[in-house]
Amino acid sequence: MVAGALAFQEPYRTEGVSTESASPSAMQSERQEEGRLAFGQLVRLMRRRLRLSIEELADAADVEVGEVLRVEDDLRFHPDPRLVFQFARVFGLPQQGLMEVAGLIVGRDERLARAAVRFAARSEAPQRLSPQEADALDAFIAVLADGGAKS
């Protein structure tokens, strides 16, 4: 292991951070971002539960493959209502709740918002790195530790 790599494993800490001074729009934006993360994880896990490839889900939902990829992997992607409705249909989930989680309607259900955050935090199962991933990570950390000085 590269020296100093453990420093990158320090968890992000929020102790002492108050949301009391945050504006309502900032809090809503944060909630929507958390919801989109949960929505992407939900789509990924439902797809895997149904044993569908990304392409098979796109076909079943009558959406583009790129849309599925963006929902699962791009936190900045804002799904449109049609996409959310199609996923709700394929997965047999309630459209209203899925629209709220996806950030398309303003949510008033605090319980759903908290559950979405917990789900997103718990849904990424820890997995061992493949030898190739470990080598790539070590090489990248070496460059980070070196400050990128050698170009």
C-alpha atoms as a PDB file:
ATOM      1  CA  MET A   1       0.000   0.000   0.000  1.00  0.00           C
ATOM      2  CA  VAL A   2       1.242   3.489  -0.801  1.00  0.00           C
ATOM      3  CA  ALA A   3       2.236   5.613   2.182  1.00  0.00           C
ATOM      4  CA  GLY A   4      -0.389   8.184   3.013  1.00  0.00           C
ATOM      5  CA  ALA A   5      -3.196   6.259   1.326  1.00  0.00           C
ATOM      6  CA  LEU A   6      -4.959   5.794   4.639  1.00  0.00           C
ATOM      7  CA  ALA A   7      -5.479   9.537   4.858  1.00  0.00           C
ATOM      8  CA  PHE A   8      -7.865   9.276   1.932  1.00  0.00           C
ATOM      9  CA  GLN A   9     -10.012   6.798   3.875  1.00  0.00           C
ATOM     10  CA  GLU A  10     -10.903   9.345   6.572  1.00  0.00           C
ATOM     11  CA  PRO A  11     -14.717   9.595   6.527  1.00  0.00           C
ATOM     12  CA  TYR A  12     -16.300  12.942   5.790  1.00  0.00           C
ATOM     13  CA  ARG A  13     -17.409  14.421   9.074  1.00  0.00           C
ATOM     14  CA  THR A  14     -20.322  16.759   9.626  1.00  0.00           C
ATOM     15  CA  GLU A  15     -20.209  17.203  13.414  1.00  0.00           C
ATOM     16  CA  GLY A  16     -20.974  20.729  14.389  1.00  0.00           C
ATOM     17  CA  VAL A  17     -22.443  21.605  11.003  1.00  0.00           C
ATOM     18  CA  SER A  18     -25.781  23.296  11.484  1.00  0.00           C
ATOM     19  CA  THR A  19     -28.521  23.364   8.906  1.00  0.00           C
ATOM     20  CA  GLU A  20     -30.442  25.992  10.882  1.00  0.00           C
ATOM     21  CA  SER A  21     -28.838  28.818   8.914  1.00  0.00           C
ATOM     22  CA  ALA A  22     -29.238  27.071   5.557  1.00  0.00           C
ATOM     23  CA  SER A  23     -31.810  28.655   3.287  1.00  0.00           C
ATOM     24  CA  PRO A  24     -34.923  26.663   2.442  1.00  0.00           C
ATOM     25  CA  SER A  25     -33.860  26.527  -1.214  1.00  0.00           C
ATOM     26  CA  ALA A  26     -30.407  25.180  -0.261  1.00  0.00           C
ATOM     27  CA  MET A  27     -32.000  22.529   1.938  1.00  0.00           C
ATOM     28  CA  GLN A  28     -34.425  21.588  -0.857  1.00  0.00           C
ATOM     29  CA  SER A  29     -31.544  21.369  -3.334  1.00  0.00           C
ATOM     30  CA  GLU A  30     -29.609  19.085  -0.981  1.00  0.00           C
ATOM     31  CA  ARG A  31     -32.682  16.922  -0.482  1.00  0.00           C
ATOM     32  CA  GLN A  32     -33.170  16.641  -4.253  1.00  0.00           C
ATOM     33  CA  GLU A  33     -29.532  15.628  -4.715  1.00  0.00           C
ATOM     34  CA  GLU A  34     -29.852  12.970  -2.015  1.00  0.00           C
ATOM     35  CA  GLY A  35     -33.068  11.790  -3.659  1.00  0.00           C
ATOM     36  CA  ARG A  36     -31.409  11.520  -7.076  1.00  0.00           C
ATOM     37  CA  LEU A  37     -28.654   9.443  -5.518  1.00  0.00           C
ATOM     38  CA  ALA A  38     -31.248   7.141  -3.948  1.00  0.00           C
ATOM     39  CA  PHE A  39     -33.193   7.047  -7.232  1.00  0.00           C
ATOM     40  CA  GLY A  40     -30.101   5.981  -9.168  1.00  0.00           C
ATOM     41  CA  GLN A  41     -29.274   3.287  -6.629  1.00  0.00           C
ATOM     42  CA  LEU A  42     -32.890   2.102  -6.647  1.00  0.00           C
ATOM     43  CA  VAL A  43     -32.888   1.775 -10.435  1.00  0.00           C
ATOM     44  CA  ARG A  44     -29.571  -0.104 -10.356  1.00  0.00           C
ATOM     45  CA  LEU A  45     -30.651  -2.541  -7.642  1.00  0.00           C
ATOM     46  CA  MET A  46     -34.123  -3.139  -9.106  1.00  0.00           C
ATOM     47  CA  ARG A  47     -32.524  -3.802 -12.486  1.00  0.00           C
ATOM     48  CA  ARG A  48     -30.129  -6.268 -10.895  1.00  0.00           C
ATOM     49  CA  ARG A  49     -32.934  -7.910  -8.868  1.00  0.00           C
ATOM     50  CA  LEU A  50     -34.799  -8.489 -12.118  1.00  0.00           C
ATOM     51  CA  ARG A  51     -31.544  -9.737 -13.682  1.00  0.00           C
ATOM     52  CA  LEU A  52     -31.745  -7.204 -16.486  1.00  0.00           C
ATOM     53  CA  SER A  53     -28.814  -5.712 -18.313  1.00  0.00           C
ATOM     54  CA  ILE A  54     -28.826  -1.960 -18.839  1.00  0.00           C
ATOM     55  CA  GLU A  55     -29.873  -2.558 -22.428  1.00  0.00           C
ATOM     56  CA  GLU A  56     -32.694  -4.914 -21.411  1.00  0.00           C
ATOM     57  CA  LEU A  57     -34.043  -2.380 -18.910  1.00  0.00           C
ATOM     58  CA  ALA A  58     -33.905   0.347 -21.549  1.00  0.00           C
ATOM     59  CA  ASP A  59     -35.893  -1.875 -23.933  1.00  0.00           C
ATOM     60  CA  ALA A  60     -38.455  -2.843 -21.264  1.00  0.00           C
ATOM     61  CA  ALA A  61     -38.933   0.797 -20.226  1.00  0.00           C
ATOM     62  CA  ASP A  62     -38.853   2.095 -23.815  1.00  0.00           C
ATOM     63  CA  VAL A  63     -36.068   4.563 -22.982  1.00  0.00           C
ATOM     64  CA  GLU A  64     -32.578   5.167 -24.316  1.00  0.00           C
ATOM     65  CA  VAL A  65     -29.651   3.137 -22.957  1.00  0.00           C
ATOM     66  CA  GLY A  66     -27.865   6.419 -22.217  1.00  0.00           C
ATOM     67  CA  GLU A  67     -30.735   7.524 -19.979  1.00  0.00           C
ATOM     68  CA  VAL A  68     -30.419   4.384 -17.861  1.00  0.00           C
ATOM     69  CA  LEU A  69     -26.666   4.905 -17.617  1.00  0.00           C
ATOM     70  CA  ARG A  70     -27.085   8.531 -16.554  1.00  0.00           C
ATOM     71  CA  VAL A  71     -29.737   7.696 -13.946  1.00  0.00           C
ATOM     72  CA  GLU A  72     -27.521   5.036 -12.403  1.00  0.00           C
ATOM     73  CA  ASP A  73     -24.206   6.899 -12.569  1.00  0.00           C
ATOM     74  CA  ASP A  74     -24.645  10.671 -12.933  1.00  0.00           C
ATOM     75  CA  LEU A  75     -25.810  12.516  -9.829  1.00  0.00           C
ATOM     76  CA  ARG A  76     -26.258  15.708 -11.873  1.00  0.00           C
ATOM     77  CA  PHE A  77     -28.691  14.044 -14.299  1.00  0.00           C
ATOM     78  CA  HIS A  78     -32.264  15.238 -13.850  1.00  0.00           C
ATOM     79  CA  PRO A  79     -34.662  12.563 -15.092  1.00  0.00           C
ATOM     80  CA  ASP A  80     -37.804  13.719 -16.813  1.00  0.00           C
ATOM     81  CA  PRO A  81     -41.275  12.544 -15.696  1.00  0.00           C
ATOM     82  CA  ARG A  82     -41.611  10.165 -18.657  1.00  0.00           C
ATOM     83  CA  LEU A  83     -38.459   8.306 -17.610  1.00  0.00           C
ATOM     84  CA  VAL A  84     -39.591   8.009 -13.994  1.00  0.00           C
ATOM     85  CA  PHE A  85     -43.055   6.805 -15.061  1.00  0.00           C
ATOM     86  CA  GLN A  86     -41.500   4.160 -17.313  1.00  0.00           C
ATOM     87  CA  PHE A  87     -39.284   2.858 -14.496  1.00  0.00           C
ATOM     88  CA  ALA A  88     -42.261   2.836 -12.117  1.00  0.00           C
ATOM     89  CA  ARG A  89     -44.175   0.748 -14.657  1.00  0.00           C
ATOM     90  CA  VAL A  90     -41.354  -1.750 -15.228  1.00  0.00           C
ATOM     91  CA  PHE A  91     -40.531  -2.102 -11.524  1.00  0.00           C
ATOM     92  CA  GLY A  92     -44.150  -2.058 -10.301  1.00  0.00           C
ATOM     93  CA  LEU A  93     -43.475   0.878  -7.951  1.00  0.00           C
ATOM     94  CA  PRO A  94     -45.752   3.823  -7.072  1.00  0.00           C
ATOM     95  CA  GLN A  95     -45.239   6.693  -9.492  1.00  0.00           C
ATOM     96  CA  GLN A  96     -45.836   9.458  -6.934  1.00  0.00           C
ATOM     97  CA  GLY A  97     -43.176   8.238  -4.507  1.00  0.00           C
ATOM     98  CA  LEU A  98     -40.699   7.643  -7.313  1.00  0.00           C
ATOM     99  CA  MET A  99     -41.318  11.164  -8.649  1.00  0.00           C
ATOM    100  CA  GLU A 100     -40.581  12.564  -5.179  1.00  0.00           C
ATOM    101  CA  VAL A 101     -37.390  10.526  -4.755  1.00  0.00           C
ATOM    102  CA  ALA A 102     -36.225  11.572  -8.235  1.00  0.00           C
ATOM    103  CA  GLY A 103     -36.668  15.214  -7.224  1.00  0.00           C
ATOM    104  CA  LEU A 104     -39.403  15.977  -9.735  1.00  0.00           C
ATOM    105  CA  ILE A 105     -42.025  16.956  -7.188  1.00  0.00           C
ATOM    106  CA  VAL A 106     -41.587  18.686  -3.848  1.00  0.00           C
ATOM    107  CA  GLY A 107     -41.693  16.102  -1.130  1.00  0.00           C
ATOM    108  CA  ARG A 108     -43.569  16.660   2.064  1.00  0.00           C
ATOM    109  CA  ASP A 109     -42.981  13.190   3.467  1.00  0.00           C
ATOM    110  CA  GLU A 110     -40.004  13.473   5.832  1.00  0.00           C
ATOM    111  CA  ARG A 111     -40.153   9.725   6.414  1.00  0.00           C
ATOM    112  CA  LEU A 112     -39.610   9.071   2.693  1.00  0.00           C
ATOM    113  CA  ALA A 113     -36.754  11.603   2.557  1.00  0.00           C
ATOM    114  CA  ARG A 114     -34.977   9.983   5.531  1.00  0.00           C
ATOM    115  CA  ALA A 115     -35.560   6.496   4.127  1.00  0.00           C
ATOM    116  CA  ALA A 116     -34.111   7.563   0.765  1.00  0.00           C
ATOM    117  CA  VAL A 117     -30.919   8.831   2.418  1.00  0.00           C
ATOM    118  CA  ARG A 118     -30.575   5.667   4.518  1.00  0.00           C
ATOM    119  CA  PHE A 119     -31.190   3.503   1.461  1.00  0.00           C
ATOM    120  CA  ALA A 120     -28.562   5.312  -0.604  1.00  0.00           C
ATOM    121  CA  ALA A 121     -26.039   5.018   2.225  1.00  0.00           C
ATOM    122  CA  ARG A 122     -26.657   1.296   2.734  1.00  0.00           C
ATOM    123  CA  SER A 123     -27.122   0.162  -0.853  1.00  0.00           C
ATOM    124  CA  GLU A 124     -23.495   0.265  -1.970  1.00  0.00           C
ATOM    125  CA  ALA A 125     -22.149  -3.096  -0.837  1.00  0.00           C
ATOM    126  CA  PRO A 126     -18.455  -3.198  -0.055  1.00  0.00           C
ATOM    127  CA  GLN A 127     -16.570  -5.233  -2.616  1.00  0.00           C
ATOM    128  CA  ARG A 128     -12.961  -6.253  -2.917  1.00  0.00           C
ATOM    129  CA  LEU A 129     -10.964  -4.443  -5.550  1.00  0.00           C
ATOM    130  CA  SER A 130      -9.866  -6.524  -8.493  1.00  0.00           C
ATOM    131  CA  PRO A 131      -6.086  -6.722  -8.967  1.00  0.00           C
ATOM    132  CA  GLN A 132      -6.391  -4.272 -11.872  1.00  0.00           C
ATOM    133  CA  GLU A 133      -8.438  -1.818  -9.786  1.00  0.00           C
ATOM    134  CA  ALA A 134      -5.953  -2.074  -6.905  1.00  0.00           C
ATOM    135  CA  ASP A 135      -3.021  -1.399  -9.257  1.00  0.00           C
ATOM    136  CA  ALA A 136      -4.818   1.557 -10.828  1.00  0.00           C
ATOM    137  CA  LEU A 137      -5.734   2.948  -7.405  1.00  0.00           C
ATOM    138  CA  ASP A 138      -2.171   2.570  -6.096  1.00  0.00           C
ATOM    139  CA  ALA A 139      -0.782   4.284  -9.191  1.00  0.00           C
ATOM    140  CA  PHE A 140      -3.246   7.153  -8.849  1.00  0.00           C
ATOM    141  CA  ILE A 141      -2.560   7.564  -5.128  1.00  0.00           C
ATOM    142  CA  ALA A 142       1.181   7.644  -5.895  1.00  0.00           C
ATOM    143  CA  VAL A 143       0.599  10.536  -8.288  1.00  0.00           C
ATOM    144  CA  LEU A 144      -1.628  12.301  -5.737  1.00  0.00           C
ATOM    145  CA  ALA A 145       0.964  11.789  -2.991  1.00  0.00           C
ATOM    146  CA  ASP A 146       3.651  13.153  -5.317  1.00  0.00           C
ATOM    147  CA  GLY A 147       1.519  16.245  -5.861  1.00  0.00           C
ATOM    148  CA  GLY A 148       1.312  15.585  -9.588  1.00  0.00           C
ATOM    149  CA  ALA A 149       4.655  17.382  -9.892  1.00  0.00           C
ATOM    150  CA  LYS A 150       6.009  14.984 -12.512  1.00  0.00           C
ATOM    151  CA  SER A 151       4.161  15.653 -15.731  1.00  0.00           C
END
